[in-house]
């Protein structure tokens, strides 16, 4: 599946998993940029690891969207992974989790 197909899938899953709210393309673009810049600052610019672990689709194999959404929103206590709940909605965190699982390679 190409990136376009994966993004369509992400939109569809977000629509189903987060109360049928579809994120506008501009918001999806902003979130994809956030993943590259903000997540990449700890997880590496290619998301293959750095201060934080790798968060490529391959590295996240076996993880669930719900589990990753929870980690994104609430962080991991005792680690450098901060909670993003003050900055992201549940729908946005869900979109990022799905994005990481499908196109974050």
PDB file of N, CA and C in Angstrom:
ATOM      1  N   UNK A   1       0.854  -1.176   0.000  1.00  0.00           N
ATOM      2  CA  UNK A   1       0.000   0.000   0.000  1.00  0.00           C
ATOM      3  C   UNK A   1       0.893   1.229   0.000  1.00  0.00           C
ATOM      4  N   UNK A   2       0.614   2.155  -0.897  1.00  0.00           N
ATOM      5  CA  UNK A   2       1.368   3.393  -0.973  1.00  0.00           C
ATOM      6  C   UNK A   2       0.950   4.347   0.125  1.00  0.00           C
ATOM      7  N   UNK A   3       1.702   5.455   0.237  1.00  0.00           N
ATOM      8  CA  UNK A   3       1.384   6.432   1.276  1.00  0.00           C
ATOM      9  C   UNK A   3      -0.011   7.011   1.100  1.00  0.00           C
ATOM     10  N   UNK A   4      -0.431   7.263  -0.140  1.00  0.00           N
ATOM     11  CA  UNK A   4      -1.767   7.814  -0.355  1.00  0.00           C
ATOM     12  C   UNK A   4      -2.824   6.845   0.135  1.00  0.00           C
ATOM     13  N   UNK A   5      -2.670   5.579  -0.205  1.00  0.00           N
ATOM     14  CA  UNK A   5      -3.618   4.577   0.249  1.00  0.00           C
ATOM     15  C   UNK A   5      -3.615   4.446   1.755  1.00  0.00           C
ATOM     16  N   UNK A   6      -2.434   4.513   2.348  1.00  0.00           N
ATOM     17  CA  UNK A   6      -2.337   4.410   3.801  1.00  0.00           C
ATOM     18  C   UNK A   6      -3.003   5.602   4.467  1.00  0.00           C
ATOM     19  N   UNK A   7      -2.816   6.792   3.902  1.00  0.00           N
ATOM     20  CA  UNK A   7      -3.444   7.972   4.488  1.00  0.00           C
ATOM     21  C   UNK A   7      -4.957   7.887   4.388  1.00  0.00           C
ATOM     22  N   UNK A   8      -5.459   7.358   3.287  1.00  0.00           N
ATOM     23  CA  UNK A   8      -6.901   7.169   3.164  1.00  0.00           C
ATOM     24  C   UNK A   8      -7.377   6.211   4.245  1.00  0.00           C
ATOM     25  N   UNK A   9      -6.606   5.159   4.484  1.00  0.00           N
ATOM     26  CA  UNK A   9      -6.955   4.208   5.539  1.00  0.00           C
ATOM     27  C   UNK A   9      -6.932   4.872   6.900  1.00  0.00           C
ATOM     28  N   UNK A  10      -5.935   5.729   7.146  1.00  0.00           N
ATOM     29  CA  UNK A  10      -5.844   6.429   8.425  1.00  0.00           C
ATOM     30  C   UNK A  10      -7.076   7.289   8.625  1.00  0.00           C
ATOM     31  N   UNK A  11      -7.462   8.013   7.605  1.00  0.00           N
ATOM     32  CA  UNK A  11      -8.648   8.863   7.703  1.00  0.00           C
ATOM     33  C   UNK A  11      -9.870   8.017   7.995  1.00  0.00           C
ATOM     34  N   UNK A  12      -9.993   6.910   7.304  1.00  0.00           N
ATOM     35  CA  UNK A  12     -11.152   6.044   7.497  1.00  0.00           C
ATOM     36  C   UNK A  12     -11.192   5.483   8.909  1.00  0.00           C
ATOM     37  N   UNK A  13     -10.056   5.009   9.401  1.00  0.00           N
ATOM     38  CA  UNK A  13     -10.007   4.436  10.738  1.00  0.00           C
ATOM     39  C   UNK A  13     -10.292   5.505  11.772  1.00  0.00           C
ATOM     40  N   UNK A  14      -9.745   6.702  11.617  1.00  0.00           N
ATOM     41  CA  UNK A  14     -10.025   7.778  12.564  1.00  0.00           C
ATOM     42  C   UNK A  14     -11.515   8.076  12.562  1.00  0.00           C
ATOM     43  N   UNK A  15     -12.119   8.026  11.389  1.00  0.00           N
ATOM     44  CA  UNK A  15     -13.543   8.317  11.315  1.00  0.00           C
ATOM     45  C   UNK A  15     -14.344   7.279  12.082  1.00  0.00           C
ATOM     46  N   UNK A  16     -13.895   6.031  12.027  1.00  0.00           N
ATOM     47  CA  UNK A  16     -14.611   4.963  12.724  1.00  0.00           C
ATOM     48  C   UNK A  16     -14.265   4.968  14.204  1.00  0.00           C
ATOM     49  N   UNK A  17     -12.984   5.088  14.530  1.00  0.00           N
ATOM     50  CA  UNK A  17     -12.538   4.934  15.907  1.00  0.00           C
ATOM     51  C   UNK A  17     -12.714   6.149  16.787  1.00  0.00           C
ATOM     52  N   UNK A  18     -12.982   7.285  16.242  1.00  0.00           N
ATOM     53  CA  UNK A  18     -13.071   8.482  17.069  1.00  0.00           C
ATOM     54  C   UNK A  18     -14.372   9.229  16.821  1.00  0.00           C
ATOM     55  N   UNK A  19     -15.434   8.488  16.786  1.00  0.00           N
ATOM     56  CA  UNK A  19     -16.728   9.126  16.703  1.00  0.00           C
ATOM     57  C   UNK A  19     -17.024   9.749  15.350  1.00  0.00           C
ATOM     58  N   UNK A  20     -16.527   9.149  14.273  1.00  0.00           N
ATOM     59  CA  UNK A  20     -16.806   9.587  12.910  1.00  0.00           C
ATOM     60  C   UNK A  20     -16.296  10.983  12.607  1.00  0.00           C
ATOM     61  N   UNK A  21     -15.316  11.463  13.368  1.00  0.00           N
ATOM     62  CA  UNK A  21     -14.732  12.768  13.066  1.00  0.00           C
ATOM     63  C   UNK A  21     -13.612  12.578  12.052  1.00  0.00           C
ATOM     64  N   UNK A  22     -13.740  13.202  10.906  1.00  0.00           N
ATOM     65  CA  UNK A  22     -12.727  13.136   9.869  1.00  0.00           C
ATOM     66  C   UNK A  22     -11.882  14.392   9.959  1.00  0.00           C
ATOM     67  N   UNK A  23     -10.583  14.201  10.065  1.00  0.00           N
ATOM     68  CA  UNK A  23      -9.685  15.348  10.164  1.00  0.00           C
ATOM     69  C   UNK A  23      -9.495  15.973   8.788  1.00  0.00           C
ATOM     70  N   UNK A  24      -9.565  17.292   8.698  1.00  0.00           N
ATOM     71  CA  UNK A  24      -9.301  17.956   7.427  1.00  0.00           C
ATOM     72  C   UNK A  24      -7.862  17.701   6.983  1.00  0.00           C
ATOM     73  N   UNK A  25      -7.635  17.765   5.667  1.00  0.00           N
ATOM     74  CA  UNK A  25      -6.301  17.498   5.126  1.00  0.00           C
ATOM     75  C   UNK A  25      -5.244  18.399   5.756  1.00  0.00           C
ATOM     76  N   UNK A  26      -5.585  19.658   5.997  1.00  0.00           N
ATOM     77  CA  UNK A  26      -4.600  20.576   6.590  1.00  0.00           C
ATOM     78  C   UNK A  26      -4.188  20.114   7.986  1.00  0.00           C
ATOM     79  N   UNK A  27      -5.134  19.556   8.742  1.00  0.00           N
ATOM     80  CA  UNK A  27      -4.811  19.057  10.082  1.00  0.00           C
ATOM     81  C   UNK A  27      -3.979  17.777   9.988  1.00  0.00           C
ATOM     82  N   UNK A  28      -4.303  16.928   9.018  1.00  0.00           N
ATOM     83  CA  UNK A  28      -3.504  15.719   8.816  1.00  0.00           C
ATOM     84  C   UNK A  28      -2.067  16.102   8.448  1.00  0.00           C
ATOM     85  N   UNK A  29      -1.925  17.100   7.595  1.00  0.00           N
ATOM     86  CA  UNK A  29      -0.585  17.557   7.206  1.00  0.00           C
ATOM     87  C   UNK A  29       0.170  18.092   8.418  1.00  0.00           C
ATOM     88  N   UNK A  30      -0.538  18.848   9.268  1.00  0.00           N
ATOM     89  CA  UNK A  30       0.087  19.397  10.481  1.00  0.00           C
ATOM     90  C   UNK A  30       0.537  18.265  11.407  1.00  0.00           C
ATOM     91  N   UNK A  31      -0.290  17.253  11.558  1.00  0.00           N
ATOM     92  CA  UNK A  31       0.058  16.130  12.432  1.00  0.00           C
ATOM     93  C   UNK A  31       1.219  15.317  11.872  1.00  0.00           C
ATOM     94  N   UNK A  32       1.235  15.118  10.552  1.00  0.00           N
ATOM     95  CA  UNK A  32       2.354  14.392   9.936  1.00  0.00           C
ATOM     96  C   UNK A  32       3.651  15.177  10.149  1.00  0.00           C
ATOM     97  N   UNK A  33       3.580  16.494  10.051  1.00  0.00           N
ATOM     98  CA  UNK A  33       4.752  17.333  10.298  1.00  0.00           C
ATOM     99  C   UNK A  33       5.174  17.235  11.771  1.00  0.00           C
ATOM    100  N   UNK A  34       4.192  17.218  12.673  1.00  0.00           N
ATOM    101  CA  UNK A  34       4.482  17.070  14.102  1.00  0.00           C
ATOM    102  C   UNK A  34       5.217  15.765  14.368  1.00  0.00           C
ATOM    103  N   UNK A  35       4.779  14.687  13.718  1.00  0.00           N
ATOM    104  CA  UNK A  35       5.451  13.389  13.896  1.00  0.00           C
ATOM    105  C   UNK A  35       6.906  13.497  13.466  1.00  0.00           C
ATOM    106  N   UNK A  36       7.124  14.100  12.303  1.00  0.00           N
ATOM    107  CA  UNK A  36       8.496  14.211  11.802  1.00  0.00           C
ATOM    108  C   UNK A  36       9.365  15.078  12.708  1.00  0.00           C
ATOM    109  N   UNK A  37       8.848  16.208  13.118  1.00  0.00           N
ATOM    110  CA  UNK A  37       9.661  17.156  13.862  1.00  0.00           C
ATOM    111  C   UNK A  37       9.683  16.872  15.366  1.00  0.00           C
ATOM    112  N   UNK A  38       8.524  16.787  15.982  1.00  0.00           N
ATOM    113  CA  UNK A  38       8.466  16.650  17.438  1.00  0.00           C
ATOM    114  C   UNK A  38       8.760  15.228  17.899  1.00  0.00           C
ATOM    115  N   UNK A  39       8.107  14.249  17.295  1.00  0.00           N
ATOM    116  CA  UNK A  39       8.395  12.854  17.660  1.00  0.00           C
ATOM    117  C   UNK A  39       9.826  12.522  17.245  1.00  0.00           C
ATOM    118  N   UNK A  40      10.206  13.032  16.050  1.00  0.00           N
ATOM    119  CA  UNK A  40      11.535  12.754  15.531  1.00  0.00           C
ATOM    120  C   UNK A  40      12.657  13.314  16.387  1.00  0.00           C
ATOM    121  N   UNK A  41      12.374  14.352  17.171  1.00  0.00           N
ATOM    122  CA  UNK A  41      13.437  14.925  18.010  1.00  0.00           C
ATOM    123  C   UNK A  41      13.924  13.932  19.062  1.00  0.00           C
ATOM    124  N   UNK A  42      13.080  13.036  19.486  1.00  0.00           N
ATOM    125  CA  UNK A  42      13.500  11.998  20.444  1.00  0.00           C
ATOM    126  C   UNK A  42      13.644  10.612  19.785  1.00  0.00           C
ATOM    127  N   UNK A  43      12.779  10.322  18.844  1.00  0.00           N
ATOM    128  CA  UNK A  43      12.767   8.989  18.242  1.00  0.00           C
ATOM    129  C   UNK A  43      13.593   8.917  16.962  1.00  0.00           C
ATOM    130  N   UNK A  44      14.292   9.994  16.642  1.00  0.00           N
ATOM    131  CA  UNK A  44      15.115  10.039  15.439  1.00  0.00           C
ATOM    132  C   UNK A  44      14.310  10.593  14.275  1.00  0.00           C
ATOM    133  N   UNK A  45      14.973  11.359  13.423  1.00  0.00           N
ATOM    134  CA  UNK A  45      14.269  12.008  12.316  1.00  0.00           C
ATOM    135  C   UNK A  45      13.641  11.016  11.348  1.00  0.00           C
ATOM    136  N   UNK A  46      14.185   9.801  11.301  1.00  0.00           N
ATOM    137  CA  UNK A  46      13.568   8.749  10.481  1.00  0.00           C
ATOM    138  C   UNK A  46      12.744   7.800  11.345  1.00  0.00           C
ATOM    139  N   UNK A  47      12.560   8.179  12.615  1.00  0.00           N
ATOM    140  CA  UNK A  47      11.772   7.419  13.585  1.00  0.00           C
ATOM    141  C   UNK A  47      12.362   6.051  13.883  1.00  0.00           C
ATOM    142  N   UNK A  48      13.654   5.902  13.594  1.00  0.00           N
ATOM    143  CA  UNK A  48      14.305   4.608  13.792  1.00  0.00           C
ATOM    144  C   UNK A  48      15.000   4.505  15.151  1.00  0.00           C
ATOM    145  N   UNK A  49      14.759   5.488  16.007  1.00  0.00           N
ATOM    146  CA  UNK A  49      15.321   5.439  17.349  1.00  0.00           C
ATOM    147  C   UNK A  49      16.322   6.544  17.591  1.00  0.00           C
ATOM    148  N   UNK A  50      16.446   6.930  18.829  1.00  0.00           N
ATOM    149  CA  UNK A  50      17.351   7.979  19.264  1.00  0.00           C
ATOM    150  C   UNK A  50      17.319   7.945  20.778  1.00  0.00           C
ATOM    151  N   UNK A  51      16.933   9.039  21.400  1.00  0.00           N
ATOM    152  CA  UNK A  51      16.701   9.033  22.852  1.00  0.00           C
ATOM    153  C   UNK A  51      15.580   8.036  23.161  1.00  0.00           C
ATOM    154  N   UNK A  52      14.551   8.085  22.346  1.00  0.00           N
ATOM    155  CA  UNK A  52      13.432   7.148  22.475  1.00  0.00           C
ATOM    156  C   UNK A  52      13.609   5.969  21.538  1.00  0.00           C
ATOM    157  N   UNK A  53      12.776   4.978  21.712  1.00  0.00           N
ATOM    158  CA  UNK A  53      12.847   3.781  20.882  1.00  0.00           C
ATOM    159  C   UNK A  53      12.372   4.080  19.463  1.00  0.00           C
ATOM    160  N   UNK A  54      12.640   3.171  18.555  1.00  0.00           N
ATOM    161  CA  UNK A  54      12.142   3.286  17.186  1.00  0.00           C
ATOM    162  C   UNK A  54      10.620   3.232  17.203  1.00  0.00           C
ATOM    163  N   UNK A  55      10.021   4.075  16.349  1.00  0.00           N
ATOM    164  CA  UNK A  55       8.560   4.064  16.245  1.00  0.00           C
ATOM    165  C   UNK A  55       8.127   3.896  14.786  1.00  0.00           C
ATOM    166  N   UNK A  56       8.897   3.135  14.045  1.00  0.00           N
ATOM    167  CA  UNK A  56       8.494   2.784  12.676  1.00  0.00           C
ATOM    168  C   UNK A  56       7.380   1.742  12.760  1.00  0.00           C
ATOM    169  N   UNK A  57       6.681   1.555  11.652  1.00  0.00           N
ATOM    170  CA  UNK A  57       5.621   0.553  11.617  1.00  0.00           C
ATOM    171  C   UNK A  57       6.180  -0.827  11.978  1.00  0.00           C
ATOM    172  N   UNK A  58       7.372  -1.115  11.493  1.00  0.00           N
ATOM    173  CA  UNK A  58       7.991  -2.409  11.791  1.00  0.00           C
ATOM    174  C   UNK A  58       8.286  -2.549  13.285  1.00  0.00           C
ATOM    175  N   UNK A  59       8.833  -1.471  13.877  1.00  0.00           N
ATOM    176  CA  UNK A  59       9.169  -1.518  15.307  1.00  0.00           C
ATOM    177  C   UNK A  59       7.916  -1.590  16.176  1.00  0.00           C
ATOM    178  N   UNK A  60       6.808  -1.070  15.665  1.00  0.00           N
ATOM    179  CA  UNK A  60       5.563  -1.046  16.436  1.00  0.00           C
ATOM    180  C   UNK A  60       4.665  -2.242  16.135  1.00  0.00           C
ATOM    181  N   UNK A  61       5.170  -3.178  15.343  1.00  0.00           N
ATOM    182  CA  UNK A  61       4.387  -4.361  15.001  1.00  0.00           C
ATOM    183  C   UNK A  61       3.875  -5.026  16.278  1.00  0.00           C
ATOM    184  N   UNK A  62       2.595  -5.313  16.305  1.00  0.00           N
ATOM    185  CA  UNK A  62       1.985  -5.943  17.482  1.00  0.00           C
ATOM    186  C   UNK A  62       1.312  -4.953  18.410  1.00  0.00           C
ATOM    187  N   UNK A  63       1.625  -3.675  18.235  1.00  0.00           N
ATOM    188  CA  UNK A  63       0.979  -2.640  19.055  1.00  0.00           C
ATOM    189  C   UNK A  63      -0.416  -2.362  18.491  1.00  0.00           C
ATOM    190  N   UNK A  64      -1.295  -1.858  19.333  1.00  0.00           N
ATOM    191  CA  UNK A  64      -2.630  -1.498  18.880  1.00  0.00           C
ATOM    192  C   UNK A  64      -2.757   0.019  18.768  1.00  0.00           C
ATOM    193  N   UNK A  65      -3.683   0.448  17.953  1.00  0.00           N
ATOM    194  CA  UNK A  65      -3.945   1.885  17.825  1.00  0.00           C
ATOM    195  C   UNK A  65      -4.364   2.449  19.185  1.00  0.00           C
ATOM    196  N   UNK A  66      -5.191   1.718  19.896  1.00  0.00           N
ATOM    197  CA  UNK A  66      -5.673   2.201  21.190  1.00  0.00           C
ATOM    198  C   UNK A  66      -4.528   2.328  22.188  1.00  0.00           C
ATOM    199  N   UNK A  67      -3.638   1.345  22.206  1.00  0.00           N
ATOM    200  CA  UNK A  67      -2.497   1.389  23.118  1.00  0.00           C
ATOM    201  C   UNK A  67      -1.561   2.535  22.801  1.00  0.00           C
ATOM    202  N   UNK A  68      -1.275   2.726  21.516  1.00  0.00           N
ATOM    203  CA  UNK A  68      -0.392   3.829  21.118  1.00  0.00           C
ATOM    204  C   UNK A  68      -1.052   5.175  21.393  1.00  0.00           C
ATOM    205  N   UNK A  69      -2.353   5.257  21.166  1.00  0.00           N
ATOM    206  CA  UNK A  69      -3.073   6.505  21.447  1.00  0.00           C
ATOM    207  C   UNK A  69      -2.938   6.854  22.928  1.00  0.00           C
ATOM    208  N   UNK A  70      -3.075   5.870  23.776  1.00  0.00           N
ATOM    209  CA  UNK A  70      -2.935   6.090  25.219  1.00  0.00           C
ATOM    210  C   UNK A  70      -1.533   6.568  25.578  1.00  0.00           C
ATOM    211  N   UNK A  71      -0.521   5.960  24.982  1.00  0.00           N
ATOM    212  CA  UNK A  71       0.863   6.371  25.241  1.00  0.00           C
ATOM    213  C   UNK A  71       1.083   7.799  24.766  1.00  0.00           C
ATOM    214  N   UNK A  72       0.571   8.123  23.579  1.00  0.00           N
ATOM    215  CA  UNK A  72       0.737   9.485  23.052  1.00  0.00           C
ATOM    216  C   UNK A  72       0.066  10.488  23.990  1.00  0.00           C
ATOM    217  N   UNK A  73      -1.128  10.177  24.432  1.00  0.00           N
ATOM    218  CA  UNK A  73      -1.864  11.136  25.261  1.00  0.00           C
ATOM    219  C   UNK A  73      -1.312  11.243  26.678  1.00  0.00           C
ATOM    220  N   UNK A  74      -0.912  10.117  27.272  1.00  0.00           N
ATOM    221  CA  UNK A  74      -0.543  10.114  28.682  1.00  0.00           C
ATOM    222  C   UNK A  74       0.935   9.899  28.948  1.00  0.00           C
ATOM    223  N   UNK A  75       1.733   9.675  27.907  1.00  0.00           N
ATOM    224  CA  UNK A  75       3.156   9.467  28.094  1.00  0.00           C
ATOM    225  C   UNK A  75       3.437   8.144  28.782  1.00  0.00           C
ATOM    226  N   UNK A  76       4.690   7.943  29.156  1.00  0.00           N
ATOM    227  CA  UNK A  76       5.094   6.748  29.887  1.00  0.00           C
ATOM    228  C   UNK A  76       5.799   7.225  31.148  1.00  0.00           C
ATOM    229  N   UNK A  77       5.135   7.117  32.297  1.00  0.00           N
ATOM    230  CA  UNK A  77       5.754   7.581  33.542  1.00  0.00           C
ATOM    231  C   UNK A  77       7.123   6.942  33.779  1.00  0.00           C
ATOM    232  N   UNK A  78       8.038   7.728  34.261  1.00  0.00           N
ATOM    233  CA  UNK A  78       9.377   7.226  34.565  1.00  0.00           C
ATOM    234  C   UNK A  78      10.302   7.217  33.367  1.00  0.00           C
ATOM    235  N   UNK A  79       9.805   7.679  32.217  1.00  0.00           N
ATOM    236  CA  UNK A  79      10.636   7.761  31.015  1.00  0.00           C
ATOM    237  C   UNK A  79      10.587   9.196  30.479  1.00  0.00           C
ATOM    238  N   UNK A  80      11.305   9.425  29.405  1.00  0.00           N
ATOM    239  CA  UNK A  80      11.306  10.755  28.793  1.00  0.00           C
ATOM    240  C   UNK A  80      10.076  10.997  27.922  1.00  0.00           C
ATOM    241  N   UNK A  81       9.219   9.997  27.754  1.00  0.00           N
ATOM    242  CA  UNK A  81       8.021  10.156  26.920  1.00  0.00           C
ATOM    243  C   UNK A  81       6.995  10.988  27.666  1.00  0.00           C
ATOM    244  N   UNK A  82       6.787  12.239  27.187  1.00  0.00           N
ATOM    245  CA  UNK A  82       5.856  13.127  27.891  1.00  0.00           C
ATOM    246  C   UNK A  82       4.401  12.877  27.467  1.00  0.00           C
ATOM    247  N   UNK A  83       3.472  13.320  28.288  1.00  0.00           N
ATOM    248  CA  UNK A  83       2.068  13.263  27.869  1.00  0.00           C
ATOM    249  C   UNK A  83       1.774  14.394  26.893  1.00  0.00           C
ATOM    250  N   UNK A  84       1.093  14.061  25.811  1.00  0.00           N
ATOM    251  CA  UNK A  84       0.734  15.067  24.804  1.00  0.00           C
ATOM    252  C   UNK A  84      -0.712  15.510  24.946  1.00  0.00           C
ATOM    253  N   UNK A  85      -1.410  14.998  25.977  1.00  0.00           N
ATOM    254  CA  UNK A  85      -2.830  15.325  26.163  1.00  0.00           C
ATOM    255  C   UNK A  85      -3.077  16.831  26.223  1.00  0.00           C
ATOM    256  N   UNK A  86      -2.190  17.607  26.835  1.00  0.00           N
ATOM    257  CA  UNK A  86      -2.457  19.054  26.844  1.00  0.00           C
ATOM    258  C   UNK A  86      -2.400  19.700  25.455  1.00  0.00           C
ATOM    259  N   UNK A  87      -1.767  19.017  24.501  1.00  0.00           N
ATOM    260  CA  UNK A  87      -1.561  19.612  23.181  1.00  0.00           C
ATOM    261  C   UNK A  87      -2.355  18.948  22.061  1.00  0.00           C
ATOM    262  N   UNK A  88      -2.814  17.730  22.290  1.00  0.00           N
ATOM    263  CA  UNK A  88      -3.500  16.969  21.233  1.00  0.00           C
ATOM    264  C   UNK A  88      -4.850  16.474  21.738  1.00  0.00           C
ATOM    265  N   UNK A  89      -5.803  16.434  20.825  1.00  0.00           N
ATOM    266  CA  UNK A  89      -7.095  15.820  21.154  1.00  0.00           C
ATOM    267  C   UNK A  89      -6.959  14.297  21.012  1.00  0.00           C
ATOM    268  N   UNK A  90      -7.952  13.579  21.526  1.00  0.00           N
ATOM    269  CA  UNK A  90      -7.928  12.124  21.371  1.00  0.00           C
ATOM    270  C   UNK A  90      -7.988  11.739  19.893  1.00  0.00           C
ATOM    271  N   UNK A  91      -8.742  12.480  19.111  1.00  0.00           N
ATOM    272  CA  UNK A  91      -8.833  12.204  17.679  1.00  0.00           C
ATOM    273  C   UNK A  91      -7.477  12.388  17.008  1.00  0.00           C
ATOM    274  N   UNK A  92      -6.761  13.447  17.373  1.00  0.00           N
ATOM    275  CA  UNK A  92      -5.444  13.688  16.793  1.00  0.00           C
ATOM    276  C   UNK A  92      -4.454  12.602  17.205  1.00  0.00           C
ATOM    277  N   UNK A  93      -4.472  12.219  18.486  1.00  0.00           N
ATOM    278  CA  UNK A  93      -3.572  11.161  18.957  1.00  0.00           C
ATOM    279  C   UNK A  93      -3.885   9.842  18.260  1.00  0.00           C
ATOM    280  N   UNK A  94      -5.162   9.569  18.073  1.00  0.00           N
ATOM    281  CA  UNK A  94      -5.587   8.351  17.374  1.00  0.00           C
ATOM    282  C   UNK A  94      -5.075   8.374  15.939  1.00  0.00           C
ATOM    283  N   UNK A  95      -5.178   9.513  15.277  1.00  0.00           N
ATOM    284  CA  UNK A  95      -4.695   9.637  13.901  1.00  0.00           C
ATOM    285  C   UNK A  95      -3.189   9.377  13.849  1.00  0.00           C
ATOM    286  N   UNK A  96      -2.438   9.952  14.789  1.00  0.00           N
ATOM    287  CA  UNK A  96      -0.985   9.758  14.821  1.00  0.00           C
ATOM    288  C   UNK A  96      -0.651   8.284  15.046  1.00  0.00           C
ATOM    289  N   UNK A  97      -1.356   7.641  15.966  1.00  0.00           N
ATOM    290  CA  UNK A  97      -1.098   6.217  16.231  1.00  0.00           C
ATOM    291  C   UNK A  97      -1.313   5.396  14.964  1.00  0.00           C
ATOM    292  N   UNK A  98      -2.421   5.645  14.278  1.00  0.00           N
ATOM    293  CA  UNK A  98      -2.699   4.915  13.040  1.00  0.00           C
ATOM    294  C   UNK A  98      -1.658   5.244  11.970  1.00  0.00           C
ATOM    295  N   UNK A  99      -1.279   6.492  11.892  1.00  0.00           N
ATOM    296  CA  UNK A  99      -0.264   6.940  10.929  1.00  0.00           C
ATOM    297  C   UNK A  99       1.052   6.203  11.176  1.00  0.00           C
ATOM    298  N   UNK A 100       1.467   6.131  12.442  1.00  0.00           N
ATOM    299  CA  UNK A 100       2.722   5.445  12.765  1.00  0.00           C
ATOM    300  C   UNK A 100       2.660   3.965  12.379  1.00  0.00           C
ATOM    301  N   UNK A 101       1.519   3.351  12.603  1.00  0.00           N
ATOM    302  CA  UNK A 101       1.395   1.928  12.294  1.00  0.00           C
ATOM    303  C   UNK A 101       1.347   1.655  10.797  1.00  0.00           C
ATOM    304  N   UNK A 102       0.912   2.631  10.026  1.00  0.00           N
ATOM    305  CA  UNK A 102       0.744   2.375   8.597  1.00  0.00           C
ATOM    306  C   UNK A 102       1.781   3.034   7.700  1.00  0.00           C
ATOM    307  N   UNK A 103       2.240   4.217   8.055  1.00  0.00           N
ATOM    308  CA  UNK A 103       3.156   4.900   7.146  1.00  0.00           C
ATOM    309  C   UNK A 103       4.420   5.393   7.836  1.00  0.00           C
ATOM    310  N   UNK A 104       4.576   5.139   9.099  1.00  0.00           N
ATOM    311  CA  UNK A 104       5.713   5.680   9.827  1.00  0.00           C
ATOM    312  C   UNK A 104       6.999   4.911   9.631  1.00  0.00           C
ATOM    313  N   UNK A 105       7.296   4.502   8.420  1.00  0.00           N
ATOM    314  CA  UNK A 105       8.554   3.789   8.158  1.00  0.00           C
ATOM    315  C   UNK A 105       9.577   4.708   7.567  1.00  0.00           C
TER     316      UNK A 105
END
